[in-house]
């Protein structure tokens, strides 16, 4: 009797299911495809033949296990099948744009994300004897050496207008023993900076000219985020004209040990030190040295020979640690400049060897400094420390407006 009752109940339940769903209906369970797909890469700018580490991540609302598969229209993967959340992609040997796609699958559906990468030029790792010219082909050059690329004394390197050079390592840069020219033009500068994504605290070592065989001219160069942006040592000679040297962590320009630097029509902004001249001759003309966190211009000479240093027609302003700092045997001539709003002094001489006055005539010292007393307040000389400073700054006559 009990079995008959169970049988009748089962028949009734089955009849109800048929009535509710019909013979053709099916019961299905929804599956959400993977989403929130992101791709991280080991460097922003890749070069021909270079390796790029890629890492993918995704989310699955259903908690299903995920599989990752990479594909690209050029280049190769490691592992070769491109499977795995993390892979290495090797760029092709030619420049251009490459699309890379990450496909993420769960047990029943998939999602994907595609990024477009530029494959850039690889900067030469060695310079041959004779001339080498780097020209703009629409893609930056990535300097991948772990240290500086050397330009030997027998070599001449020229960088054409519009070229961008991105330095991949913090110790990377250029060490010039021969000739180096930057041939940027107005509206088509040459750019040198770190290989970084947007604003970054990454830096590179800089460009150093070493020895009497080292020389060059830098025209319309935009260089930034270096440790020592342009450095001259041991008798090198360089012209810096119409350049923008900014946001460098130590100094924008440093000349030492008898090197000759001529800076014209240039912007030296937002570095630690703007220009550092040590026992070397220098010409600074029609340039803007502003917003440097330390000193605008440092001039120190410990040699027995007086080196000619002239500063003319320039603006030296808004520097955080003195406008112009002069020490020992340095004896610059500073005329026809605007020198103002530097802290704590616009011009300071200290540990000074000479007893005759320093020539700083015909300069503008700021809109509020238009009499002798107010100008003396922004200058540090013998008036401030007669025991340690031997000389005065001769600032008379002065200018009432910026030249």
Protein backbone atom coordinates (compact mmCIF):
# COMPACT_ATOMS: atom_id res chain seq x y z
CA UNK A 1 0.00 0.00 0.00
CA UNK A 2 2.80 2.38 0.88
CA UNK A 3 4.64 1.63 -2.37
CA UNK A 4 1.51 2.34 -4.41
CA UNK A 5 1.13 5.71 -2.67
CA UNK A 6 4.78 6.66 -3.44
CA UNK A 7 4.29 5.70 -7.08
CA UNK A 8 1.18 7.86 -7.41
CA UNK A 9 2.99 10.84 -5.80
CA UNK A 10 5.90 10.51 -8.23
CA UNK A 11 3.54 10.46 -11.19
CA UNK A 12 1.78 13.60 -9.94
CA UNK A 13 5.15 15.42 -9.38
CA UNK A 14 6.38 14.48 -12.84
CA UNK A 15 3.16 15.69 -14.40
CA UNK A 16 3.56 19.04 -12.64
CA UNK A 17 7.12 19.47 -13.97
CA UNK A 18 5.96 18.77 -17.50
CA UNK A 19 3.13 21.27 -17.05
CA UNK A 20 5.47 23.97 -15.70
CA UNK A 21 8.42 23.66 -18.09
CA UNK A 22 7.10 21.89 -21.11
CA UNK A 23 8.78 19.14 -23.01
CA UNK A 24 11.17 21.43 -24.90
CA UNK A 25 12.39 23.62 -21.97
CA UNK A 26 15.77 23.12 -20.29
CA UNK A 27 17.14 24.20 -16.94
CA UNK A 28 20.40 26.21 -17.43
CA UNK A 29 22.90 27.77 -15.02
CA UNK A 30 24.44 31.19 -15.96
CA UNK A 31 28.23 31.63 -16.23
CA UNK A 32 29.83 35.07 -15.98
CA UNK A 33 32.84 35.49 -18.29
CA UNK A 34 36.14 36.67 -16.74
CA UNK A 35 36.46 40.44 -16.37
CA UNK A 36 38.66 43.14 -14.86
CA UNK A 37 41.54 42.04 -17.08
CA UNK A 38 44.76 44.01 -16.57
CA UNK A 39 48.21 43.73 -18.15
CA UNK A 40 51.40 44.85 -16.40
CA UNK A 41 54.70 45.16 -18.29
CA UNK A 42 58.27 45.38 -17.07
CA UNK A 43 59.16 48.52 -19.04
CA UNK A 44 57.21 51.17 -20.89
CA UNK A 45 59.21 51.37 -24.09
CA UNK A 46 60.55 48.23 -25.76
CA UNK A 47 63.22 48.05 -28.46
CA UNK A 48 63.83 45.78 -31.44
CA UNK A 49 64.76 42.30 -30.26
CA UNK A 50 64.19 43.25 -26.63
CA UNK A 51 62.43 41.12 -24.05
CA UNK A 52 59.36 42.35 -22.20
CA UNK A 53 57.90 40.64 -19.12
CA UNK A 54 54.10 40.59 -19.23
CA UNK A 55 51.79 39.72 -16.35
CA UNK A 56 48.04 39.35 -16.63
CA UNK A 57 45.36 39.41 -13.95
CA UNK A 58 41.62 38.88 -14.13
CA UNK A 59 38.55 38.38 -11.94
CA UNK A 60 35.77 35.79 -12.15
CA UNK A 61 32.53 36.43 -10.27
CA UNK A 62 31.73 32.73 -10.20
CA UNK A 63 35.06 31.82 -8.65
CA UNK A 64 35.95 29.51 -11.53
CA UNK A 65 39.58 28.61 -12.16
CA UNK A 66 41.09 30.75 -14.95
CA UNK A 67 43.50 30.00 -17.77
CA UNK A 68 45.57 32.66 -19.55
CA UNK A 69 46.69 32.66 -23.18
CA UNK A 70 48.74 35.36 -24.95
CA UNK A 71 48.92 36.12 -28.66
CA UNK A 72 50.60 38.79 -30.81
CA UNK A 73 50.76 39.59 -34.50
CA UNK A 74 54.58 39.75 -34.31
CA UNK A 75 57.32 38.61 -31.96
CA UNK A 76 57.59 35.42 -29.91
CA UNK A 77 56.61 34.25 -26.44
CA UNK A 78 58.30 32.25 -23.71
CA UNK A 79 56.81 29.74 -23.18
CA UNK A 80 56.28 29.34 -26.96
CA UNK A 81 52.56 28.53 -26.65
CA UNK A 82 51.96 31.80 -24.78
CA UNK A 83 50.10 30.08 -21.97
CA UNK A 84 50.30 31.35 -18.40
CA UNK A 85 49.53 34.49 -16.45
CA UNK A 86 53.18 35.63 -16.78
CA UNK A 87 55.19 35.34 -19.99
CA UNK A 88 58.16 36.95 -21.74
CA UNK A 89 57.50 38.51 -25.14
CA UNK A 90 60.46 39.14 -27.46
CA UNK A 91 59.96 42.03 -29.87
CA UNK A 92 60.52 41.63 -33.62
CA UNK A 93 63.70 42.96 -35.27
CA UNK A 94 61.91 45.91 -36.91
CA UNK A 95 60.24 49.02 -35.51
CA UNK A 96 56.48 49.51 -35.62
CA UNK A 97 53.27 48.88 -33.71
CA UNK A 98 52.37 45.43 -32.41
CA UNK A 99 49.08 44.30 -30.86
CA UNK A 100 49.27 41.88 -27.95
CA UNK A 101 46.12 40.15 -26.73
CA UNK A 102 45.53 38.37 -23.44
CA UNK A 103 42.59 35.93 -23.47
CA UNK A 104 41.33 34.66 -20.12
CA UNK A 105 39.01 31.62 -19.98
CA UNK A 106 37.01 29.86 -17.33
CA UNK A 107 35.16 26.58 -17.82
CA UNK A 108 32.58 28.00 -20.20
CA UNK A 109 33.40 31.51 -21.46
CA UNK A 110 36.25 33.93 -22.01
CA UNK A 111 37.24 37.59 -21.98
CA UNK A 112 40.15 39.41 -23.55
CA UNK A 113 42.19 42.59 -23.48
CA UNK A 114 44.42 43.98 -26.24
CA UNK A 115 47.21 46.52 -25.91
CA UNK A 116 49.23 48.20 -28.66
CA UNK A 117 52.99 48.49 -28.15
CA UNK A 118 55.52 50.51 -30.09
CA UNK A 119 58.69 48.64 -30.94
CA UNK A 120 61.43 51.28 -30.92
CA UNK A 121 64.98 51.57 -32.19
CA UNK A 122 67.90 50.18 -30.24
CA UNK A 123 70.60 52.79 -29.68
CA UNK A 124 74.05 51.61 -30.84
CA UNK A 125 75.94 49.88 -28.04
CA UNK A 126 79.34 50.82 -29.49
CA UNK A 127 80.55 53.68 -31.66
CA UNK A 128 82.85 52.89 -34.58
CA UNK A 129 85.70 55.15 -35.63
CA UNK A 130 84.61 57.98 -37.89
CA UNK A 131 81.19 59.60 -38.14
CA UNK A 132 77.91 58.12 -36.89
CA UNK A 133 74.60 59.88 -37.43
CA UNK A 134 71.34 59.03 -35.63
CA UNK A 135 68.27 60.23 -37.54
CA UNK A 136 64.59 60.46 -36.63
CA UNK A 137 62.47 57.65 -38.12
CA UNK A 138 59.37 58.27 -36.03
CA UNK A 139 60.35 56.00 -33.12
CA UNK A 140 62.56 56.70 -30.08
CA UNK A 141 65.96 55.11 -29.57
CA UNK A 142 66.34 53.06 -26.39
CA UNK A 143 69.82 53.09 -24.87
CA UNK A 144 69.96 49.68 -23.21
CA UNK A 145 73.61 49.47 -22.06
CA UNK A 146 73.95 48.94 -18.29
CA UNK A 147 76.51 51.80 -18.28
CA UNK A 148 77.46 54.68 -20.54
CA UNK A 149 77.98 54.28 -24.29
CA UNK A 150 81.51 55.47 -25.09
CA UNK A 151 82.23 57.82 -27.99
CA UNK A 152 85.97 57.25 -28.58
CA UNK A 153 88.40 60.04 -29.46
CA UNK A 154 88.36 58.78 -33.08
CA UNK A 155 84.55 59.05 -33.36
CA UNK A 156 82.02 61.75 -34.14
CA UNK A 157 78.41 61.19 -33.10
CA UNK A 158 75.61 63.44 -34.40
CA UNK A 159 71.99 63.30 -33.26
CA UNK A 160 69.50 64.65 -35.79
CA UNK A 161 66.53 66.90 -35.14
CA UNK A 162 63.47 65.19 -33.67
CA UNK A 163 65.31 62.20 -32.23
CA UNK A 164 64.25 60.96 -28.79
CA UNK A 165 66.69 58.87 -26.74
CA UNK A 166 65.36 57.02 -23.69
CA UNK A 167 67.95 55.60 -21.32
CA UNK A 168 66.95 52.25 -19.85
CA UNK A 169 69.34 52.03 -16.88
CA UNK A 170 70.22 54.48 -14.12
CA UNK A 171 73.95 54.18 -14.88
CA UNK A 172 73.36 54.66 -18.61
CA UNK A 173 74.24 57.70 -20.70
CA UNK A 174 77.09 58.89 -22.92
CA UNK A 175 80.82 59.21 -22.21
CA UNK A 176 82.40 61.38 -24.89
CA UNK A 177 86.11 61.37 -25.66
CA UNK A 178 85.64 62.44 -29.28
CA UNK A 179 83.01 64.73 -30.80
CA UNK A 180 79.31 64.82 -29.97
CA UNK A 181 76.75 67.08 -31.65
CA UNK A 182 73.04 67.52 -31.04
CA UNK A 183 71.46 69.09 -34.13
CA UNK A 184 68.00 69.95 -32.84
CA UNK A 185 66.11 72.86 -34.35
CA UNK A 186 63.46 75.28 -33.15
CA UNK A 187 60.23 73.31 -32.89
CA UNK A 188 62.04 70.01 -33.45
CA UNK A 189 64.20 69.40 -30.39
CA UNK A 190 66.26 66.38 -29.49
CA UNK A 191 65.00 64.72 -26.30
CA UNK A 192 67.06 62.66 -23.84
CA UNK A 193 65.55 61.22 -20.66
CA UNK A 194 64.91 57.97 -18.79
CA UNK A 195 62.86 55.08 -20.14
CA UNK A 196 59.89 55.67 -17.86
CA UNK A 197 56.09 55.75 -17.96
CA UNK A 198 54.91 59.35 -17.69
CA UNK A 199 56.11 61.20 -14.61
CA UNK A 200 58.64 59.06 -12.78
CA UNK A 201 61.48 59.28 -10.29
CA UNK A 202 63.70 57.18 -12.57
CA UNK A 203 66.93 58.84 -13.65
CA UNK A 204 69.93 58.27 -15.91
CA UNK A 205 73.60 59.15 -15.45
CA UNK A 206 73.93 61.96 -18.02
CA UNK A 207 76.39 63.05 -20.72
CA UNK A 208 80.04 63.52 -19.77
CA UNK A 209 82.78 64.97 -21.99
CA UNK A 210 86.24 63.89 -20.78
CA UNK A 211 89.65 65.15 -21.91
CA UNK A 212 91.07 67.64 -24.37
CA UNK A 213 89.93 65.53 -27.34
CA UNK A 214 86.31 65.80 -26.20
CA UNK A 215 84.22 68.57 -27.72
CA UNK A 216 80.78 69.24 -29.08
CA UNK A 217 77.81 71.51 -29.57
CA UNK A 218 74.35 70.86 -28.15
CA UNK A 219 71.59 72.77 -29.93
CA UNK A 220 67.90 72.57 -29.01
CA UNK A 221 68.37 69.70 -26.59
CA UNK A 222 65.63 68.90 -24.07
CA UNK A 223 67.32 66.78 -21.37
CA UNK A 224 65.88 65.89 -17.98
CA UNK A 225 65.95 63.52 -14.98
CA UNK A 226 69.70 62.91 -15.15
CA UNK A 227 72.09 62.82 -12.23
CA UNK A 228 74.63 65.11 -13.93
CA UNK A 229 72.92 66.22 -17.12
CA UNK A 230 75.89 67.70 -19.03
CA UNK A 231 79.34 67.35 -17.46
CA UNK A 232 82.75 68.49 -18.74
CA UNK A 233 86.04 67.37 -17.25
CA UNK A 234 89.79 67.54 -17.90
CA UNK A 235 89.80 70.19 -20.61
CA UNK A 236 86.72 69.35 -22.68
CA UNK A 237 85.02 72.13 -24.69
CA UNK A 238 81.25 72.31 -25.28
CA UNK A 239 78.73 74.85 -26.57
CA UNK A 240 75.19 74.61 -25.12
CA UNK A 241 72.79 76.70 -27.21
CA UNK A 242 69.00 76.97 -27.06
CA UNK A 243 68.73 73.99 -24.74
CA UNK A 244 66.30 73.08 -21.95
CA UNK A 245 68.01 71.27 -19.10
CA UNK A 246 65.58 70.65 -16.27
CA UNK A 247 64.57 68.41 -13.36
CA UNK A 248 68.04 66.91 -12.97
CA UNK A 249 68.86 65.53 -9.55
CA UNK A 250 72.35 66.97 -9.02
CA UNK A 251 73.23 69.63 -11.59
CA UNK A 252 72.26 70.63 -15.11
CA UNK A 253 75.76 71.69 -16.20
CA UNK A 254 79.09 71.02 -14.47
CA UNK A 255 82.47 72.07 -15.88
CA UNK A 256 85.69 71.20 -14.03
CA UNK A 257 89.48 71.00 -14.35
CA UNK A 258 90.02 73.54 -17.09
CA UNK A 259 87.06 72.64 -19.31
CA UNK A 260 85.41 75.38 -21.34
CA UNK A 261 81.62 75.64 -21.43
CA UNK A 262 79.60 78.26 -23.26
CA UNK A 263 75.89 78.42 -22.40
CA UNK A 264 73.71 80.61 -24.61
CA UNK A 265 69.96 81.16 -24.95
CA UNK A 266 69.17 78.24 -22.68
CA UNK A 267 66.72 77.38 -19.89
CA UNK A 268 68.24 75.83 -16.74
CA UNK A 269 65.24 75.21 -14.47
CA UNK A 270 64.21 73.03 -11.53
CA UNK A 271 67.45 71.16 -10.97
CA UNK A 272 69.29 70.81 -7.68
CA UNK A 273 72.16 73.06 -8.86
CA UNK A 274 71.75 74.92 -12.11
CA UNK A 275 75.36 75.50 -13.25
CA UNK A 276 78.51 74.42 -11.41
CA UNK A 277 81.83 75.89 -12.62
CA UNK A 278 84.93 74.51 -10.92
CA UNK A 279 88.37 75.82 -11.94
CA UNK A 280 87.17 76.34 -15.51
CA UNK A 281 86.44 79.22 -17.89
CA UNK A 282 82.81 79.76 -18.82
CA UNK A 283 80.45 82.03 -20.74
CA UNK A 284 76.81 82.29 -19.67
CA UNK A 285 74.76 84.53 -21.96
CA UNK A 286 71.06 85.28 -22.42
CA UNK A 287 69.97 82.28 -20.36
CA UNK A 288 67.41 81.64 -17.63
CA UNK A 289 68.62 79.96 -14.44
CA UNK A 290 65.56 79.64 -12.22
CA UNK A 291 63.71 77.47 -9.69
CA UNK A 292 66.72 75.33 -8.82
CA UNK A 293 66.26 73.88 -5.35
CA UNK A 294 69.83 74.64 -4.33
CA UNK A 295 72.05 77.28 -5.98
CA UNK A 296 71.54 78.84 -9.38
CA UNK A 297 75.24 79.20 -10.31
CA UNK A 298 78.30 78.01 -8.34
CA UNK A 299 81.72 79.37 -9.34
CA UNK A 300 84.73 78.00 -7.44
CA UNK A 301 88.37 78.22 -8.55
CA UNK A 302 91.24 76.76 -6.55
CA UNK A 303 93.85 76.96 -9.33
CA UNK A 304 96.69 79.45 -9.54
CA UNK A 305 95.43 80.77 -12.89
CA UNK A 306 92.44 83.12 -13.06
CA UNK A 307 89.82 81.59 -15.36
CA UNK A 308 87.61 83.97 -17.30
CA UNK A 309 83.97 83.57 -16.34
CA UNK A 310 81.35 85.98 -17.65
CA UNK A 311 77.62 86.10 -16.94
CA UNK A 312 75.65 88.52 -19.12
CA UNK A 313 72.06 89.23 -20.12
CA UNK A 314 70.70 86.35 -18.06
CA UNK A 315 67.99 85.85 -15.45
CA UNK A 316 69.05 84.20 -12.18
CA UNK A 317 65.97 84.03 -10.00
CA UNK A 318 63.84 81.99 -7.60
CA UNK A 319 66.67 79.66 -6.61
CA UNK A 320 66.42 78.02 -3.20
CA UNK A 321 70.06 78.32 -2.09
CA UNK A 322 71.63 81.58 -3.37
CA UNK A 323 71.56 82.98 -6.88
CA UNK A 324 75.32 83.09 -7.54
CA UNK A 325 77.85 81.53 -5.15
CA UNK A 326 81.53 82.52 -5.61
CA UNK A 327 84.51 81.16 -3.66
CA UNK A 328 88.32 81.04 -3.52
CA UNK A 329 90.09 82.46 -6.60
CA UNK A 330 87.06 82.69 -8.86
CA UNK A 331 86.70 86.17 -10.30
CA UNK A 332 83.71 86.32 -12.63
CA UNK A 333 82.37 89.43 -14.36
CA UNK A 334 78.61 89.67 -13.84
CA UNK A 335 76.89 92.42 -15.84
CA UNK A 336 73.48 93.29 -17.26
CA UNK A 337 71.53 90.48 -15.58
CA UNK A 338 68.33 90.17 -13.58
CA UNK A 339 69.23 88.59 -10.21
CA UNK A 340 66.33 88.46 -7.76
CA UNK A 341 64.24 86.42 -5.34
CA UNK A 342 67.02 84.01 -4.45
CA UNK A 343 67.36 82.64 -0.92
CA UNK A 344 69.13 83.63 1.21
CA UNK A 345 71.30 85.81 -1.08
CA UNK A 346 71.23 86.76 -4.72
CA UNK A 347 75.04 86.91 -4.77
CA UNK A 348 77.48 85.61 -2.18
CA UNK A 349 81.29 85.59 -2.01
CA UNK A 350 82.94 83.48 0.67
CA UNK A 351 86.42 82.14 1.44
CA UNK A 352 87.43 84.72 -1.14
CA UNK A 353 91.10 85.14 -2.10
CA UNK A 354 91.03 88.53 -3.83
CA UNK A 355 90.95 91.91 -2.11
CA UNK A 356 89.76 94.03 -5.02
CA UNK A 357 86.02 94.31 -5.64
CA UNK A 358 84.02 91.85 -7.69
CA UNK A 359 82.50 93.40 -10.81
CA UNK A 360 78.71 93.02 -10.61
CA UNK A 361 77.69 96.31 -12.19
CA UNK A 362 74.54 97.14 -14.14
CA UNK A 363 72.36 94.33 -12.81
CA UNK A 364 68.70 94.40 -11.80
CA UNK A 365 68.30 93.14 -8.22
CA UNK A 366 64.50 92.94 -7.98
CA UNK A 367 61.56 95.30 -8.05
CA UNK A 368 61.88 96.15 -4.35
CA UNK A 369 65.66 96.64 -4.44
CA UNK A 370 66.24 100.03 -6.01
CA UNK A 371 68.54 101.70 -3.52
CA UNK A 372 72.00 100.93 -2.16
CA UNK A 373 70.83 99.66 1.21
CA UNK A 374 68.23 97.23 -0.16
CA UNK A 375 70.69 95.83 -2.71
CA UNK A 376 73.37 95.36 -0.05
CA UNK A 377 70.84 93.23 1.87
CA UNK A 378 70.70 90.62 -0.93
CA UNK A 379 74.51 90.50 -1.36
CA UNK A 380 76.93 88.75 1.02
CA UNK A 381 80.46 90.22 0.96
CA UNK A 382 82.99 91.95 3.24
CA UNK A 383 80.22 94.11 4.68
CA UNK A 384 78.73 90.96 6.22
CA UNK A 385 81.90 89.18 7.33
CA UNK A 386 85.04 91.32 7.25
CA UNK A 387 87.06 88.62 9.03
CA UNK A 388 86.48 85.90 6.42
CA UNK A 389 85.74 87.81 3.20
CA UNK A 390 88.42 90.05 1.75
CA UNK A 391 86.46 91.95 -0.89
CA UNK A 392 83.29 93.82 -1.67
CA UNK A 393 80.85 93.36 -4.51
CA UNK A 394 80.79 96.43 -6.75
CA UNK A 395 77.13 96.66 -7.81
CA UNK A 396 77.01 100.40 -8.62
CA UNK A 397 75.47 101.40 -10.98
CA UNK A 398 72.45 99.10 -10.98
CA UNK A 399 69.41 98.70 -13.21
CA UNK A 400 65.86 99.69 -12.25
CA UNK A 401 64.20 97.13 -14.52
CA UNK A 402 65.05 93.78 -16.05
CA UNK A 403 67.40 94.08 -19.02
